[in-house]
PDB file of all heavy atoms in Angstrom:
ATOM      1  N   GLY A   1     -78.953 -54.395  74.972  1.00  0.00           N
ATOM      2  CA  GLY A   1     -78.147 -54.677  73.783  1.00  0.00           C
ATOM      3  C   GLY A   1     -78.598 -53.948  72.545  1.00  0.00           C
ATOM      4  O   GLY A   1     -78.042 -54.166  71.451  1.00  0.00           O
ATOM      5  N   GLU A   2     -79.584 -53.056  72.670  1.00  0.00           N
ATOM      6  CA  GLU A   2     -80.115 -52.324  71.513  1.00  0.00           C
ATOM      7  C   GLU A   2     -79.055 -51.408  70.897  1.00  0.00           C
ATOM      8  O   GLU A   2     -78.359 -50.662  71.596  1.00  0.00           O
ATOM      9  CB  GLU A   2     -81.312 -51.482  71.953  1.00  0.00           C
ATOM     10  CG  GLU A   2     -81.942 -50.655  70.859  1.00  0.00           C
ATOM     11  CD  GLU A   2     -82.932 -51.422  70.015  1.00  0.00           C
ATOM     12  OE1 GLU A   2     -83.318 -52.545  70.420  1.00  0.00           O
ATOM     13  OE2 GLU A   2     -83.352 -50.892  68.963  1.00  0.00           O
ATOM     14  N   ASP A   3     -78.914 -51.491  69.571  1.00  0.00           N
ATOM     15  CA  ASP A   3     -78.079 -50.549  68.836  1.00  0.00           C
ATOM     16  C   ASP A   3     -78.945 -49.366  68.424  1.00  0.00           C
ATOM     17  O   ASP A   3     -80.066 -49.538  67.939  1.00  0.00           O
ATOM     18  CB  ASP A   3     -77.485 -51.190  67.582  1.00  0.00           C
ATOM     19  CG  ASP A   3     -76.548 -52.343  67.889  1.00  0.00           C
ATOM     20  OD1 ASP A   3     -76.115 -52.470  69.054  1.00  0.00           O
ATOM     21  OD2 ASP A   3     -76.264 -53.125  66.965  1.00  0.00           O
ATOM     22  N   ILE A   4     -78.442 -48.169  68.605  1.00  0.00           N
ATOM     23  CA  ILE A   4     -79.150 -46.970  68.172  1.00  0.00           C
ATOM     24  C   ILE A   4     -78.347 -46.342  67.038  1.00  0.00           C
ATOM     25  O   ILE A   4     -77.264 -45.799  67.261  1.00  0.00           O
ATOM     26  CB  ILE A   4     -79.347 -45.986  69.330  1.00  0.00           C
ATOM     27  CG1 ILE A   4     -80.233 -46.636  70.409  1.00  0.00           C
ATOM     28  CG2 ILE A   4     -79.968 -44.687  68.848  1.00  0.00           C
ATOM     29  CD1 ILE A   4     -80.491 -45.768  71.617  1.00  0.00           C
ATOM     30  N   GLY A   5     -78.882 -46.465  65.831  1.00  0.00           N
ATOM     31  CA  GLY A   5     -78.119 -46.065  64.662  1.00  0.00           C
ATOM     32  C   GLY A   5     -76.878 -46.930  64.555  1.00  0.00           C
ATOM     33  O   GLY A   5     -76.954 -48.161  64.597  1.00  0.00           O
ATOM     34  N   ALA A   6     -75.732 -46.280  64.465  1.00  0.00           N
ATOM     35  CA  ALA A   6     -74.470 -47.007  64.379  1.00  0.00           C
ATOM     36  C   ALA A   6     -73.818 -47.222  65.747  1.00  0.00           C
ATOM     37  O   ALA A   6     -72.706 -47.740  65.825  1.00  0.00           O
ATOM     38  CB  ALA A   6     -73.511 -46.249  63.464  1.00  0.00           C
ATOM     39  N   VAL A   7     -74.514 -46.819  66.809  1.00  0.00           N
ATOM     40  CA  VAL A   7     -73.956 -46.907  68.154  1.00  0.00           C
ATOM     41  C   VAL A   7     -74.320 -48.264  68.761  1.00  0.00           C
ATOM     42  O   VAL A   7     -75.486 -48.525  69.090  1.00  0.00           O
ATOM     43  CB  VAL A   7     -74.472 -45.769  69.044  1.00  0.00           C
ATOM     44  CG1 VAL A   7     -73.815 -45.835  70.427  1.00  0.00           C
ATOM     45  CG2 VAL A   7     -74.201 -44.418  68.389  1.00  0.00           C
ATOM     46  N   ALA A   8     -73.321 -49.130  68.896  1.00  0.00           N
ATOM     47  CA  ALA A   8     -73.558 -50.492  69.359  1.00  0.00           C
ATOM     48  C   ALA A   8     -73.852 -50.530  70.853  1.00  0.00           C
ATOM     49  O   ALA A   8     -73.201 -49.841  71.648  1.00  0.00           O
ATOM     50  CB  ALA A   8     -72.351 -51.367  69.046  1.00  0.00           C
ATOM     51  N   ASP A   9     -74.841 -51.345  71.231  1.00  0.00           N
ATOM     52  CA  ASP A   9     -75.175 -51.598  72.634  1.00  0.00           C
ATOM     53  C   ASP A   9     -75.428 -50.318  73.417  1.00  0.00           C
ATOM     54  O   ASP A   9     -75.107 -50.225  74.610  1.00  0.00           O
ATOM     55  CB  ASP A   9     -74.066 -52.412  73.311  1.00  0.00           C
ATOM     56  CG  ASP A   9     -73.910 -53.801  72.714  1.00  0.00           C
ATOM     57  OD1 ASP A   9     -74.868 -54.276  72.081  1.00  0.00           O
ATOM     58  OD2 ASP A   9     -72.837 -54.403  72.884  1.00  0.00           O
ATOM     59  N   ALA A  10     -76.019 -49.341  72.770  1.00  0.00           N
ATOM     60  CA  ALA A  10     -76.380 -48.117  73.483  1.00  0.00           C
ATOM     61  C   ALA A  10     -77.486 -48.401  74.494  1.00  0.00           C
ATOM     62  O   ALA A  10     -77.530 -47.814  75.568  1.00  0.00           O
ATOM     63  CB  ALA A  10     -76.833 -47.042  72.499  1.00  0.00           C
ATOM     64  N   GLY A  11     -78.386 -49.314  74.130  1.00  0.00           N
ATOM     65  CA  GLY A  11     -79.450 -49.717  75.042  1.00  0.00           C
ATOM     66  C   GLY A  11     -80.687 -48.851  74.935  1.00  0.00           C
ATOM     67  O   GLY A  11     -80.673 -47.741  74.398  1.00  0.00           O
ATOM     68  N   GLY A  12     -81.772 -49.387  75.458  1.00  0.00           N
ATOM     69  CA  GLY A  12     -83.039 -48.671  75.476  1.00  0.00           C
ATOM     70  C   GLY A  12     -84.013 -49.387  76.383  1.00  0.00           C
ATOM     71  O   GLY A  12     -83.699 -50.403  77.010  1.00  0.00           O
ATOM     72  N   ALA A  13     -85.206 -48.859  76.469  1.00  0.00           N
ATOM     73  CA  ALA A  13     -86.273 -49.478  77.258  1.00  0.00           C
ATOM     74  C   ALA A  13     -87.606 -49.131  76.628  1.00  0.00           C
ATOM     75  O   ALA A  13     -87.751 -48.105  75.952  1.00  0.00           O
ATOM     76  CB  ALA A  13     -86.230 -48.998  78.710  1.00  0.00           C
ATOM     77  N   VAL A  14     -88.579 -50.004  76.835  1.00  0.00           N
ATOM     78  CA  VAL A  14     -89.917 -49.819  76.295  1.00  0.00           C
ATOM     79  C   VAL A  14     -90.925 -49.911  77.433  1.00  0.00           C
ATOM     80  O   VAL A  14     -90.821 -50.794  78.286  1.00  0.00           O
ATOM     81  CB  VAL A  14     -90.238 -50.873  75.219  1.00  0.00           C
ATOM     82  CG1 VAL A  14     -91.727 -50.929  74.919  1.00  0.00           C
ATOM     83  CG2 VAL A  14     -89.458 -50.583  73.941  1.00  0.00           C
ATOM     84  N   VAL A  15     -91.889 -48.999  77.441  1.00  0.00           N
ATOM     85  CA  VAL A  15     -93.006 -49.072  78.378  1.00  0.00           C
ATOM     86  C   VAL A  15     -94.222 -49.623  77.644  1.00  0.00           C
ATOM     87  O   VAL A  15     -94.645 -49.069  76.625  1.00  0.00           O
ATOM     88  CB  VAL A  15     -93.348 -47.696  78.971  1.00  0.00           C
ATOM     89  CG1 VAL A  15     -94.515 -47.819  79.953  1.00  0.00           C
ATOM     90  CG2 VAL A  15     -92.141 -47.078  79.660  1.00  0.00           C
ATOM     91  N   LEU A  16     -94.768 -50.734  78.141  1.00  0.00           N
ATOM     92  CA  LEU A  16     -96.034 -51.280  77.657  1.00  0.00           C
ATOM     93  C   LEU A  16     -97.099 -50.877  78.665  1.00  0.00           C
ATOM     94  O   LEU A  16     -97.012 -51.229  79.845  1.00  0.00           O
ATOM     95  CB  LEU A  16     -95.964 -52.801  77.530  1.00  0.00           C
ATOM     96  CG  LEU A  16     -94.852 -53.367  76.643  1.00  0.00           C
ATOM     97  CD1 LEU A  16     -94.924 -54.883  76.611  1.00  0.00           C
ATOM     98  CD2 LEU A  16     -94.933 -52.801  75.229  1.00  0.00           C
ATOM     99  N   TRP A  17     -98.111 -50.147  78.218  1.00  0.00           N
ATOM    100  CA  TRP A  17     -99.070 -49.538  79.131  1.00  0.00           C
ATOM    101  C   TRP A  17    -100.186 -50.515  79.491  1.00  0.00           C
ATOM    102  O   TRP A  17    -100.702 -51.246  78.648  1.00  0.00           O
ATOM    103  CB  TRP A  17     -99.648 -48.269  78.519  1.00  0.00           C
ATOM    104  CG  TRP A  17     -98.582 -47.249  78.250  1.00  0.00           C
ATOM    105  CD1 TRP A  17     -97.975 -46.978  77.061  1.00  0.00           C
ATOM    106  CD2 TRP A  17     -97.952 -46.414  79.224  1.00  0.00           C
ATOM    107  NE1 TRP A  17     -97.013 -46.003  77.224  1.00  0.00           N
ATOM    108  CE2 TRP A  17     -96.976 -45.632  78.531  1.00  0.00           C
ATOM    109  CE3 TRP A  17     -98.106 -46.233  80.592  1.00  0.00           C
ATOM    110  CZ2 TRP A  17     -96.177 -44.708  79.183  1.00  0.00           C
ATOM    111  CZ3 TRP A  17     -97.308 -45.295  81.238  1.00  0.00           C
ATOM    112  CH2 TRP A  17     -96.352 -44.538  80.537  1.00  0.00           C
ATOM    113  N   GLY A  18    -100.581 -50.525  80.773  1.00  0.00           N
ATOM    114  CA  GLY A  18    -101.682 -51.341  81.230  1.00  0.00           C
ATOM    115  C   GLY A  18    -103.020 -50.756  80.815  1.00  0.00           C
ATOM    116  O   GLY A  18    -103.169 -49.528  80.711  1.00  0.00           O
ATOM    117  N   THR A  19    -103.977 -51.625  80.592  1.00  0.00           N
ATOM    118  CA  THR A  19    -105.326 -51.229  80.177  1.00  0.00           C
ATOM    119  C   THR A  19    -106.328 -52.211  80.796  1.00  0.00           C
ATOM    120  O   THR A  19    -105.924 -53.234  81.369  1.00  0.00           O
ATOM    121  CB  THR A  19    -105.484 -51.290  78.646  1.00  0.00           C
ATOM    122  OG1 THR A  19    -105.564 -52.663  78.234  1.00  0.00           O
ATOM    123  CG2 THR A  19    -104.328 -50.610  77.926  1.00  0.00           C
ATOM    124  N   PRO A  20    -107.641 -51.948  80.684  1.00  0.00           N
ATOM    125  CA  PRO A  20    -108.616 -52.923  81.189  1.00  0.00           C
ATOM    126  C   PRO A  20    -108.471 -54.297  80.552  1.00  0.00           C
ATOM    127  O   PRO A  20    -108.925 -55.293  81.128  1.00  0.00           O
ATOM    128  CB  PRO A  20    -109.959 -52.284  80.837  1.00  0.00           C
ATOM    129  CG  PRO A  20    -109.677 -50.816  80.786  1.00  0.00           C
ATOM    130  CD  PRO A  20    -108.299 -50.710  80.227  1.00  0.00           C
ATOM    131  N   LYS A  21    -107.845 -54.375  79.387  1.00  0.00           N
ATOM    132  CA  LYS A  21    -107.633 -55.656  78.724  1.00  0.00           C
ATOM    133  C   LYS A  21    -106.219 -56.188  78.947  1.00  0.00           C
ATOM    134  O   LYS A  21    -105.821 -57.188  78.343  1.00  0.00           O
ATOM    135  CB  LYS A  21    -107.914 -55.524  77.233  1.00  0.00           C
ATOM    136  CG  LYS A  21    -109.376 -55.219  76.917  1.00  0.00           C
ATOM    137  CD  LYS A  21    -109.614 -55.172  75.414  1.00  0.00           C
ATOM    138  CE  LYS A  21    -111.087 -54.901  75.109  1.00  0.00           C
ATOM    139  NZ  LYS A  21    -111.342 -54.857  73.639  1.00  0.00           N
ATOM    140  N   GLY A  22    -105.453 -55.544  79.809  1.00  0.00           N
ATOM    141  CA  GLY A  22    -104.095 -55.980  80.085  1.00  0.00           C
ATOM    142  C   GLY A  22    -103.074 -55.189  79.300  1.00  0.00           C
ATOM    143  O   GLY A  22    -103.356 -54.101  78.774  1.00  0.00           O
ATOM    144  N   LEU A  23    -101.871 -55.714  79.221  1.00  0.00           N
ATOM    145  CA  LEU A  23    -100.803 -55.019  78.508  1.00  0.00           C
ATOM    146  C   LEU A  23    -101.099 -54.968  77.015  1.00  0.00           C
ATOM    147  O   LEU A  23    -101.652 -55.903  76.432  1.00  0.00           O
ATOM    148  CB  LEU A  23     -99.470 -55.724  78.723  1.00  0.00           C
ATOM    149  CG  LEU A  23     -98.867 -55.662  80.119  1.00  0.00           C
ATOM    150  CD1 LEU A  23     -97.532 -56.393  80.150  1.00  0.00           C
ATOM    151  CD2 LEU A  23     -98.688 -54.220  80.591  1.00  0.00           C
ATOM    152  N   THR A  24    -100.676 -53.867  76.411  1.00  0.00           N
ATOM    153  CA  THR A  24    -100.827 -53.733  74.977  1.00  0.00           C
ATOM    154  C   THR A  24     -99.581 -53.094  74.394  1.00  0.00           C
ATOM    155  O   THR A  24     -98.965 -52.223  75.020  1.00  0.00           O
ATOM    156  CB  THR A  24    -102.062 -52.871  74.628  1.00  0.00           C
ATOM    157  OG1 THR A  24    -102.093 -52.638  73.221  1.00  0.00           O
ATOM    158  CG2 THR A  24    -102.023 -51.526  75.347  1.00  0.00           C
ATOM    159  N   GLY A  25     -99.197 -53.553  73.222  1.00  0.00           N
ATOM    160  CA  GLY A  25     -98.065 -52.923  72.542  1.00  0.00           C
ATOM    161  C   GLY A  25     -98.454 -51.613  71.903  1.00  0.00           C
ATOM    162  O   GLY A  25     -97.602 -50.798  71.564  1.00  0.00           O
ATOM    163  N   SER A  26     -99.760 -51.380  71.741  1.00  0.00           N
ATOM    164  CA  SER A  26    -100.232 -50.161  71.102  1.00  0.00           C
ATOM    165  C   SER A  26     -99.764 -48.930  71.867  1.00  0.00           C
ATOM    166  O   SER A  26     -99.903 -48.851  73.094  1.00  0.00           O
ATOM    167  CB  SER A  26    -101.755 -50.171  71.030  1.00  0.00           C
ATOM    168  OG  SER A  26    -102.252 -48.975  70.484  1.00  0.00           O
ATOM    169  N   ALA A  27     -99.210 -48.000  71.154  1.00  0.00           N
ATOM    170  CA  ALA A  27     -98.743 -46.738  71.733  1.00  0.00           C
ATOM    171  C   ALA A  27     -97.678 -46.945  72.800  1.00  0.00           C
ATOM    172  O   ALA A  27     -97.545 -46.159  73.725  1.00  0.00           O
ATOM    173  CB  ALA A  27     -99.910 -45.934  72.302  1.00  0.00           C
ATOM    174  N   GLY A  28     -96.902 -48.018  72.690  1.00  0.00           N
ATOM    175  CA  GLY A  28     -95.788 -48.218  73.600  1.00  0.00           C
ATOM    176  C   GLY A  28     -94.820 -47.054  73.547  1.00  0.00           C
ATOM    177  O   GLY A  28     -94.677 -46.384  72.519  1.00  0.00           O
ATOM    178  N   THR A  29     -94.159 -46.788  74.653  1.00  0.00           N
ATOM    179  CA  THR A  29     -93.260 -45.634  74.756  1.00  0.00           C
ATOM    180  C   THR A  29     -91.809 -46.077  74.761  1.00  0.00           C
ATOM    181  O   THR A  29     -91.432 -47.002  75.493  1.00  0.00           O
ATOM    182  CB  THR A  29     -93.562 -44.845  76.046  1.00  0.00           C
ATOM    183  OG1 THR A  29     -94.893 -44.336  75.983  1.00  0.00           O
ATOM    184  CG2 THR A  29     -92.586 -43.685  76.226  1.00  0.00           C
ATOM    185  N   TRP A  30     -91.003 -45.423  73.964  1.00  0.00           N
ATOM    186  CA  TRP A  30     -89.577 -45.715  73.861  1.00  0.00           C
ATOM    187  C   TRP A  30     -88.786 -44.791  74.772  1.00  0.00           C
ATOM    188  O   TRP A  30     -89.046 -43.576  74.826  1.00  0.00           O
ATOM    189  CB  TRP A  30     -89.104 -45.541  72.418  1.00  0.00           C
ATOM    190  CG  TRP A  30     -87.611 -45.668  72.268  1.00  0.00           C
ATOM    191  CD1 TRP A  30     -86.698 -44.676  72.120  1.00  0.00           C
ATOM    192  CD2 TRP A  30     -86.869 -46.890  72.262  1.00  0.00           C
ATOM    193  NE1 TRP A  30     -85.426 -45.186  72.034  1.00  0.00           N
ATOM    194  CE2 TRP A  30     -85.500 -46.538  72.119  1.00  0.00           C
ATOM    195  CE3 TRP A  30     -87.214 -48.233  72.363  1.00  0.00           C
ATOM    196  CZ2 TRP A  30     -84.494 -47.497  72.068  1.00  0.00           C
ATOM    197  CZ3 TRP A  30     -86.214 -49.179  72.324  1.00  0.00           C
ATOM    198  CH2 TRP A  30     -84.866 -48.811  72.174  1.00  0.00           C
ATOM    199  N   LEU A  31     -87.798 -45.327  75.495  1.00  0.00           N
ATOM    200  CA  LEU A  31     -86.901 -44.540  76.337  1.00  0.00           C
ATOM    201  C   LEU A  31     -85.465 -44.850  75.955  1.00  0.00           C
ATOM    202  O   LEU A  31     -85.110 -45.998  75.691  1.00  0.00           O
ATOM    203  CB  LEU A  31     -87.111 -44.873  77.815  1.00  0.00           C
ATOM    204  CG  LEU A  31     -88.490 -44.633  78.411  1.00  0.00           C
ATOM    205  CD1 LEU A  31     -88.525 -45.161  79.843  1.00  0.00           C
ATOM    206  CD2 LEU A  31     -88.847 -43.161  78.389  1.00  0.00           C
ATOM    207  N   GLN A  32     -84.624 -43.830  75.963  1.00  0.00           N
ATOM    208  CA  GLN A  32     -83.197 -44.018  75.754  1.00  0.00           C
ATOM    209  C   GLN A  32     -82.451 -42.934  76.504  1.00  0.00           C
ATOM    210  O   GLN A  32     -83.037 -41.978  77.010  1.00  0.00           O
ATOM    211  CB  GLN A  32     -82.842 -43.967  74.266  1.00  0.00           C
ATOM    212  CG  GLN A  32     -83.024 -42.608  73.618  1.00  0.00           C
ATOM    213  CD  GLN A  32     -82.732 -42.641  72.128  1.00  0.00           C
ATOM    214  OE1 GLN A  32     -83.323 -43.411  71.380  1.00  0.00           O
ATOM    215  NE2 GLN A  32     -81.811 -41.782  71.692  1.00  0.00           N
ATOM    216  N   SER A  33     -81.157 -43.089  76.591  1.00  0.00           N
ATOM    217  CA  SER A  33     -80.335 -42.121  77.312  1.00  0.00           C
ATOM    218  C   SER A  33     -80.200 -40.819  76.528  1.00  0.00           C
ATOM    219  O   SER A  33     -80.229 -40.808  75.297  1.00  0.00           O
ATOM    220  CB  SER A  33     -78.944 -42.716  77.565  1.00  0.00           C
ATOM    221  OG  SER A  33     -78.097 -41.765  78.166  1.00  0.00           O
TER     222      SER A  33
END
């Protein structure tokens, strides 16, 4: 349901990277079409 700029429901995805301390939001990666 992510809006990208004025484009409604374009969508996206986020990668949360695993580490020795578990998942972290730090340096998460954004993906879109």
